[in-house]
Amino acid sequence: MTQSKELKKLPQEVVEILAQLRMDLESDGPTPKGWKVKHVKGRPNTLTARLKREYRALYEVISPSIIIVSVAHRREAY
């Protein structure tokens, strides 16, 4: 499935928050200020950011790149 189809399935508010996260990751690095970011157990170089109460973004830090792997409801994210 393409990224645009996956993004269309998400609520518009989550897509807007994701866009802000992407901008903050580009400017501040892997742990931007103001975001709840945690390391994912058992997955080195993978972090999760809380977008909204129910949604999480998983991303990998492969220096110098940050790749958003998935955005999903928290019960499906991990």
PDB file of N, CA and C in Angstrom:
ATOM      1  N   MET A   1       0.842  -1.175   0.000  1.00  0.00           N
ATOM      2  CA  MET A   1       0.000   0.000   0.000  1.00  0.00           C
ATOM      3  C   MET A   1       0.894   1.247   0.000  1.00  0.00           C
ATOM      4  N   THR A   2       0.522   2.237  -0.744  1.00  0.00           N
ATOM      5  CA  THR A   2       1.331   3.446  -0.837  1.00  0.00           C
ATOM      6  C   THR A   2       1.122   4.339   0.370  1.00  0.00           C
ATOM      7  N   GLN A   3       2.061   5.246   0.577  1.00  0.00           N
ATOM      8  CA  GLN A   3       1.986   6.147   1.717  1.00  0.00           C
ATOM      9  C   GLN A   3       0.748   7.016   1.673  1.00  0.00           C
ATOM     10  N   SER A   4       0.388   7.516   0.510  1.00  0.00           N
ATOM     11  CA  SER A   4      -0.766   8.408   0.428  1.00  0.00           C
ATOM     12  C   SER A   4      -2.057   7.683   0.815  1.00  0.00           C
ATOM     13  N   LYS A   5      -2.186   6.418   0.461  1.00  0.00           N
ATOM     14  CA  LYS A   5      -3.373   5.659   0.846  1.00  0.00           C
ATOM     15  C   LYS A   5      -3.404   5.444   2.353  1.00  0.00           C
ATOM     16  N   GLU A   6      -2.256   5.173   2.940  1.00  0.00           N
ATOM     17  CA  GLU A   6      -2.193   4.985   4.383  1.00  0.00           C
ATOM     18  C   GLU A   6      -2.519   6.282   5.114  1.00  0.00           C
ATOM     19  N   LEU A   7      -2.028   7.402   4.614  1.00  0.00           N
ATOM     20  CA  LEU A   7      -2.300   8.684   5.253  1.00  0.00           C
ATOM     21  C   LEU A   7      -3.775   9.068   5.149  1.00  0.00           C
ATOM     22  N   LYS A   8      -4.421   8.684   4.055  1.00  0.00           N
ATOM     23  CA  LYS A   8      -5.834   8.998   3.884  1.00  0.00           C
ATOM     24  C   LYS A   8      -6.704   8.255   4.893  1.00  0.00           C
ATOM     25  N   LYS A   9      -6.221   7.123   5.386  1.00  0.00           N
ATOM     26  CA  LYS A   9      -6.977   6.355   6.368  1.00  0.00           C
ATOM     27  C   LYS A   9      -6.919   6.981   7.757  1.00  0.00           C
ATOM     28  N   LEU A  10      -5.901   7.802   8.006  1.00  0.00           N
ATOM     29  CA  LEU A  10      -5.746   8.442   9.308  1.00  0.00           C
ATOM     30  C   LEU A  10      -6.651   9.659   9.418  1.00  0.00           C
ATOM     31  N   PRO A  11      -7.076   9.990  10.640  1.00  0.00           N
ATOM     32  CA  PRO A  11      -7.836  11.232  10.829  1.00  0.00           C
ATOM     33  C   PRO A  11      -6.997  12.442  10.413  1.00  0.00           C
ATOM     34  N   GLN A  12      -7.648  13.457   9.878  1.00  0.00           N
ATOM     35  CA  GLN A  12      -6.948  14.644   9.381  1.00  0.00           C
ATOM     36  C   GLN A  12      -6.110  15.297  10.477  1.00  0.00           C
ATOM     37  N   GLU A  13      -6.611  15.318  11.698  1.00  0.00           N
ATOM     38  CA  GLU A  13      -5.875  15.926  12.808  1.00  0.00           C
ATOM     39  C   GLU A  13      -4.541  15.209  13.029  1.00  0.00           C
ATOM     40  N   VAL A  14      -4.528  13.891  12.916  1.00  0.00           N
ATOM     41  CA  VAL A  14      -3.302  13.115  13.106  1.00  0.00           C
ATOM     42  C   VAL A  14      -2.312  13.404  11.971  1.00  0.00           C
ATOM     43  N   VAL A  15      -2.805  13.549  10.750  1.00  0.00           N
ATOM     44  CA  VAL A  15      -1.943  13.869   9.606  1.00  0.00           C
ATOM     45  C   VAL A  15      -1.271  15.227   9.816  1.00  0.00           C
ATOM     46  N   GLU A  16      -2.019  16.199  10.342  1.00  0.00           N
ATOM     47  CA  GLU A  16      -1.451  17.523  10.605  1.00  0.00           C
ATOM     48  C   GLU A  16      -0.406  17.471  11.711  1.00  0.00           C
ATOM     49  N   ILE A  17      -0.660  16.693  12.757  1.00  0.00           N
ATOM     50  CA  ILE A  17       0.305  16.538  13.847  1.00  0.00           C
ATOM     51  C   ILE A  17       1.557  15.841  13.326  1.00  0.00           C
ATOM     52  N   LEU A  18       1.395  14.856  12.450  1.00  0.00           N
ATOM     53  CA  LEU A  18       2.528  14.153  11.852  1.00  0.00           C
ATOM     54  C   LEU A  18       3.395  15.113  11.041  1.00  0.00           C
ATOM     55  N   ALA A  19       2.768  16.014  10.310  1.00  0.00           N
ATOM     56  CA  ALA A  19       3.521  17.004   9.535  1.00  0.00           C
ATOM     57  C   ALA A  19       4.357  17.883  10.462  1.00  0.00           C
ATOM     58  N   GLN A  20       3.796  18.261  11.601  1.00  0.00           N
ATOM     59  CA  GLN A  20       4.546  19.066  12.567  1.00  0.00           C
ATOM     60  C   GLN A  20       5.708  18.263  13.151  1.00  0.00           C
ATOM     61  N   LEU A  21       5.482  16.977  13.437  1.00  0.00           N
ATOM     62  CA  LEU A  21       6.554  16.122  13.941  1.00  0.00           C
ATOM     63  C   LEU A  21       7.692  16.035  12.934  1.00  0.00           C
ATOM     64  N   ARG A  22       7.361  15.871  11.662  1.00  0.00           N
ATOM     65  CA  ARG A  22       8.395  15.784  10.624  1.00  0.00           C
ATOM     66  C   ARG A  22       9.247  17.051  10.590  1.00  0.00           C
ATOM     67  N   MET A  23       8.596  18.202  10.687  1.00  0.00           N
ATOM     68  CA  MET A  23       9.344  19.467  10.681  1.00  0.00           C
ATOM     69  C   MET A  23      10.232  19.579  11.916  1.00  0.00           C
ATOM     70  N   ASP A  24       9.709  19.171  13.069  1.00  0.00           N
ATOM     71  CA  ASP A  24      10.495  19.234  14.298  1.00  0.00           C
ATOM     72  C   ASP A  24      11.661  18.250  14.282  1.00  0.00           C
ATOM     73  N   LEU A  25      11.456  17.069  13.702  1.00  0.00           N
ATOM     74  CA  LEU A  25      12.548  16.103  13.589  1.00  0.00           C
ATOM     75  C   LEU A  25      13.660  16.646  12.694  1.00  0.00           C
ATOM     76  N   GLU A  26      13.276  17.313  11.619  1.00  0.00           N
ATOM     77  CA  GLU A  26      14.279  17.891  10.716  1.00  0.00           C
ATOM     78  C   GLU A  26      15.077  19.005  11.389  1.00  0.00           C
ATOM     79  N   SER A  27      14.415  19.811  12.203  1.00  0.00           N
ATOM     80  CA  SER A  27      15.107  20.950  12.808  1.00  0.00           C
ATOM     81  C   SER A  27      15.805  20.611  14.129  1.00  0.00           C
ATOM     82  N   ASP A  28      15.204  19.736  14.962  1.00  0.00           N
ATOM     83  CA  ASP A  28      15.739  19.470  16.298  1.00  0.00           C
ATOM     84  C   ASP A  28      16.444  18.133  16.456  1.00  0.00           C
ATOM     85  N   GLY A  29      16.353  17.252  15.481  1.00  0.00           N
ATOM     86  CA  GLY A  29      16.982  15.944  15.605  1.00  0.00           C
ATOM     87  C   GLY A  29      16.018  14.893  16.131  1.00  0.00           C
ATOM     88  N   PRO A  30      16.544  13.742  16.553  1.00  0.00           N
ATOM     89  CA  PRO A  30      15.694  12.591  16.886  1.00  0.00           C
ATOM     90  C   PRO A  30      14.827  12.744  18.135  1.00  0.00           C
ATOM     91  N   THR A  31      15.153  13.670  19.027  1.00  0.00           N
ATOM     92  CA  THR A  31      14.328  13.880  20.211  1.00  0.00           C
ATOM     93  C   THR A  31      13.932  15.351  20.308  1.00  0.00           C
ATOM     94  N   PRO A  32      12.963  15.769  19.498  1.00  0.00           N
ATOM     95  CA  PRO A  32      12.568  17.175  19.498  1.00  0.00           C
ATOM     96  C   PRO A  32      11.877  17.578  20.802  1.00  0.00           C
ATOM     97  N   LYS A  33      12.087  18.811  21.196  1.00  0.00           N
ATOM     98  CA  LYS A  33      11.475  19.319  22.424  1.00  0.00           C
ATOM     99  C   LYS A  33       9.966  19.418  22.245  1.00  0.00           C
ATOM    100  N   GLY A  34       9.245  19.120  23.325  1.00  0.00           N
ATOM    101  CA  GLY A  34       7.799  19.228  23.302  1.00  0.00           C
ATOM    102  C   GLY A  34       7.074  17.962  22.877  1.00  0.00           C
ATOM    103  N   TRP A  35       7.796  16.918  22.535  1.00  0.00           N
ATOM    104  CA  TRP A  35       7.196  15.655  22.097  1.00  0.00           C
ATOM    105  C   TRP A  35       7.494  14.571  23.123  1.00  0.00           C
ATOM    106  N   LYS A  36       6.550  13.670  23.330  1.00  0.00           N
ATOM    107  CA  LYS A  36       6.781  12.514  24.196  1.00  0.00           C
ATOM    108  C   LYS A  36       7.409  11.431  23.333  1.00  0.00           C
ATOM    109  N   VAL A  37       8.722  11.274  23.478  1.00  0.00           N
ATOM    110  CA  VAL A  37       9.486  10.331  22.664  1.00  0.00           C
ATOM    111  C   VAL A  37      10.090   9.276  23.576  1.00  0.00           C
ATOM    112  N   LYS A  38       9.966   8.014  23.175  1.00  0.00           N
ATOM    113  CA  LYS A  38      10.545   6.905  23.942  1.00  0.00           C
ATOM    114  C   LYS A  38      11.250   5.951  22.996  1.00  0.00           C
ATOM    115  N   HIS A  39      12.241   5.240  23.537  1.00  0.00           N
ATOM    116  CA  HIS A  39      12.896   4.179  22.776  1.00  0.00           C
ATOM    117  C   HIS A  39      11.992   2.951  22.785  1.00  0.00           C
ATOM    118  N   VAL A  40      11.998   2.199  21.693  1.00  0.00           N
ATOM    119  CA  VAL A  40      11.198   0.985  21.589  1.00  0.00           C
ATOM    120  C   VAL A  40      12.066  -0.182  22.033  1.00  0.00           C
ATOM    121  N   LYS A  41      11.581  -0.923  23.025  1.00  0.00           N
ATOM    122  CA  LYS A  41      12.339  -2.055  23.557  1.00  0.00           C
ATOM    123  C   LYS A  41      12.548  -3.115  22.487  1.00  0.00           C
ATOM    124  N   GLY A  42      13.754  -3.645  22.413  1.00  0.00           N
ATOM    125  CA  GLY A  42      14.058  -4.716  21.481  1.00  0.00           C
ATOM    126  C   GLY A  42      14.303  -4.272  20.049  1.00  0.00           C
ATOM    127  N   ARG A  43      14.219  -2.978  19.796  1.00  0.00           N
ATOM    128  CA  ARG A  43      14.447  -2.463  18.442  1.00  0.00           C
ATOM    129  C   ARG A  43      15.441  -1.310  18.534  1.00  0.00           C
ATOM    130  N   PRO A  44      16.727  -1.601  18.365  1.00  0.00           N
ATOM    131  CA  PRO A  44      17.725  -0.536  18.472  1.00  0.00           C
ATOM    132  C   PRO A  44      17.517   0.543  17.418  1.00  0.00           C
ATOM    133  N   ASN A  45      17.799   1.764  17.795  1.00  0.00           N
ATOM    134  CA  ASN A  45      17.678   2.939  16.922  1.00  0.00           C
ATOM    135  C   ASN A  45      16.245   3.247  16.520  1.00  0.00           C
ATOM    136  N   THR A  46      15.259   2.665  17.199  1.00  0.00           N
ATOM    137  CA  THR A  46      13.855   2.939  16.898  1.00  0.00           C
ATOM    138  C   THR A  46      13.233   3.679  18.065  1.00  0.00           C
ATOM    139  N   LEU A  47      12.546   4.767  17.739  1.00  0.00           N
ATOM    140  CA  LEU A  47      11.865   5.563  18.748  1.00  0.00           C
ATOM    141  C   LEU A  47      10.399   5.690  18.388  1.00  0.00           C
ATOM    142  N   THR A  48       9.593   6.042  19.375  1.00  0.00           N
ATOM    143  CA  THR A  48       8.171   6.275  19.141  1.00  0.00           C
ATOM    144  C   THR A  48       7.805   7.641  19.691  1.00  0.00           C
ATOM    145  N   ALA A  49       6.987   8.348  18.961  1.00  0.00           N
ATOM    146  CA  ALA A  49       6.502   9.656  19.387  1.00  0.00           C
ATOM    147  C   ALA A  49       4.991   9.602  19.496  1.00  0.00           C
ATOM    148  N   ARG A  50       4.479  10.171  20.554  1.00  0.00           N
ATOM    149  CA  ARG A  50       3.033  10.202  20.767  1.00  0.00           C
ATOM    150  C   ARG A  50       2.451  11.372  19.979  1.00  0.00           C
ATOM    151  N   LEU A  51       1.606  11.069  18.999  1.00  0.00           N
ATOM    152  CA  LEU A  51       1.001  12.114  18.181  1.00  0.00           C
ATOM    153  C   LEU A  51      -0.263  12.652  18.825  1.00  0.00           C
ATOM    154  N   LYS A  52      -1.060  11.764  19.296  1.00  0.00           N
ATOM    155  CA  LYS A  52      -2.308  12.087  19.953  1.00  0.00           C
ATOM    156  C   LYS A  52      -2.489  10.993  20.994  1.00  0.00           C
ATOM    157  N   ARG A  53      -3.480  11.061  21.791  1.00  0.00           N
ATOM    158  CA  ARG A  53      -3.647  10.053  22.829  1.00  0.00           C
ATOM    159  C   ARG A  53      -3.613   8.636  22.265  1.00  0.00           C
ATOM    160  N   GLU A  54      -4.225   8.421  21.114  1.00  0.00           N
ATOM    161  CA  GLU A  54      -4.338   7.066  20.568  1.00  0.00           C
ATOM    162  C   GLU A  54      -3.343   6.732  19.463  1.00  0.00           C
ATOM    163  N   TYR A  55      -2.605   7.690  18.938  1.00  0.00           N
ATOM    164  CA  TYR A  55      -1.760   7.432  17.768  1.00  0.00           C
ATOM    165  C   TYR A  55      -0.280   7.605  18.078  1.00  0.00           C
ATOM    166  N   ARG A  56       0.538   6.730  17.470  1.00  0.00           N
ATOM    167  CA  ARG A  56       1.981   6.766  17.651  1.00  0.00           C
ATOM    168  C   ARG A  56       2.667   6.758  16.288  1.00  0.00           C
ATOM    169  N   ALA A  57       3.805   7.417  16.238  1.00  0.00           N
ATOM    170  CA  ALA A  57       4.660   7.376  15.051  1.00  0.00           C
ATOM    171  C   ALA A  57       5.944   6.663  15.452  1.00  0.00           C
ATOM    172  N   LEU A  58       6.293   5.612  14.730  1.00  0.00           N
ATOM    173  CA  LEU A  58       7.546   4.913  14.957  1.00  0.00           C
ATOM    174  C   LEU A  58       8.536   5.380  13.909  1.00  0.00           C
ATOM    175  N   TYR A  59       9.741   5.708  14.354  1.00  0.00           N
ATOM    176  CA  TYR A  59      10.758   6.136  13.401  1.00  0.00           C
ATOM    177  C   TYR A  59      12.125   5.613  13.813  1.00  0.00           C
ATOM    178  N   GLU A  60      12.961   5.413  12.802  1.00  0.00           N
ATOM    179  CA  GLU A  60      14.311   4.899  13.005  1.00  0.00           C
ATOM    180  C   GLU A  60      15.315   6.009  12.764  1.00  0.00           C
ATOM    181  N   VAL A  61      16.360   6.005  13.584  1.00  0.00           N
ATOM    182  CA  VAL A  61      17.432   6.974  13.436  1.00  0.00           C
ATOM    183  C   VAL A  61      18.634   6.225  12.877  1.00  0.00           C
ATOM    184  N   ILE A  62      18.923   6.493  11.628  1.00  0.00           N
ATOM    185  CA  ILE A  62      20.090   5.922  10.964  1.00  0.00           C
ATOM    186  C   ILE A  62      20.901   7.118  10.501  1.00  0.00           C
ATOM    187  N   SER A  63      21.882   7.459  11.309  1.00  0.00           N
ATOM    188  CA  SER A  63      22.619   8.703  11.119  1.00  0.00           C
ATOM    189  C   SER A  63      23.114   8.846   9.689  1.00  0.00           C
ATOM    190  N   PRO A  64      22.870   9.929   9.042  1.00  0.00           N
ATOM    191  CA  PRO A  64      22.254  11.180   9.486  1.00  0.00           C
ATOM    192  C   PRO A  64      20.762  11.259   9.182  1.00  0.00           C
ATOM    193  N   SER A  65      20.125  10.160   8.860  1.00  0.00           N
ATOM    194  CA  SER A  65      18.715  10.187   8.442  1.00  0.00           C
ATOM    195  C   SER A  65      17.781   9.758   9.565  1.00  0.00           C
ATOM    196  N   ILE A  66      16.557  10.267   9.494  1.00  0.00           N
ATOM    197  CA  ILE A  66      15.476   9.829  10.371  1.00  0.00           C
ATOM    198  C   ILE A  66      14.347   9.385   9.452  1.00  0.00           C
ATOM    199  N   ILE A  67      13.952   8.119   9.586  1.00  0.00           N
ATOM    200  CA  ILE A  67      12.956   7.530   8.696  1.00  0.00           C
ATOM    201  C   ILE A  67      11.712   7.174   9.505  1.00  0.00           C
ATOM    202  N   ILE A  68      10.563   7.754   9.144  1.00  0.00           N
ATOM    203  CA  ILE A  68       9.312   7.402   9.802  1.00  0.00           C
ATOM    204  C   ILE A  68       8.861   6.067   9.222  1.00  0.00           C
ATOM    205  N   VAL A  69       8.780   5.073  10.088  1.00  0.00           N
ATOM    206  CA  VAL A  69       8.463   3.712   9.672  1.00  0.00           C
ATOM    207  C   VAL A  69       6.961   3.503   9.579  1.00  0.00           C
ATOM    208  N   SER A  70       6.227   3.951  10.601  1.00  0.00           N
ATOM    209  CA  SER A  70       4.783   3.756  10.588  1.00  0.00           C
ATOM    210  C   SER A  70       4.084   4.768  11.478  1.00  0.00           C
ATOM    211  N   VAL A  71       2.817   4.960  11.193  1.00  0.00           N
ATOM    212  CA  VAL A  71       1.926   5.766  12.020  1.00  0.00           C
ATOM    213  C   VAL A  71       0.666   4.939  12.174  1.00  0.00           C
ATOM    214  N   ALA A  72       0.312   4.638  13.427  1.00  0.00           N
ATOM    215  CA  ALA A  72      -0.825   3.760  13.644  1.00  0.00           C
ATOM    216  C   ALA A  72      -1.441   4.005  15.015  1.00  0.00           C
ATOM    217  N   HIS A  73      -2.614   3.443  15.192  1.00  0.00           N
ATOM    218  CA  HIS A  73      -3.263   3.455  16.498  1.00  0.00           C
ATOM    219  C   HIS A  73      -2.353   2.699  17.462  1.00  0.00           C
ATOM    220  N   ARG A  74      -2.337   3.109  18.703  1.00  0.00           N
ATOM    221  CA  ARG A  74      -1.366   2.534  19.631  1.00  0.00           C
ATOM    222  C   ARG A  74      -1.489   1.040  19.838  1.00  0.00           C
ATOM    223  N   ARG A  75      -2.693   0.469  19.689  1.00  0.00           N
ATOM    224  CA  ARG A  75      -2.817  -0.987  19.846  1.00  0.00           C
ATOM    225  C   ARG A  75      -2.220  -1.737  18.676  1.00  0.00           C
ATOM    226  N   GLU A  76      -2.033  -1.058  17.535  1.00  0.00           N
ATOM    227  CA  GLU A  76      -1.473  -1.692  16.349  1.00  0.00           C
ATOM    228  C   GLU A  76      -0.044  -1.237  16.040  1.00  0.00           C
ATOM    229  N   ALA A  77       0.437  -0.229  16.735  1.00  0.00           N
ATOM    230  CA  ALA A  77       1.713   0.398  16.385  1.00  0.00           C
ATOM    231  C   ALA A  77       2.921  -0.491  16.676  1.00  0.00           C
ATOM    232  N   TYR A  78       2.858  -1.261  17.737  1.00  0.00           N
ATOM    233  CA  TYR A  78       4.038  -2.014  18.133  1.00  0.00           C
ATOM    234  C   TYR A  78       3.902  -3.419  17.663  1.00  0.00           C
TER     235      TYR A  78
END
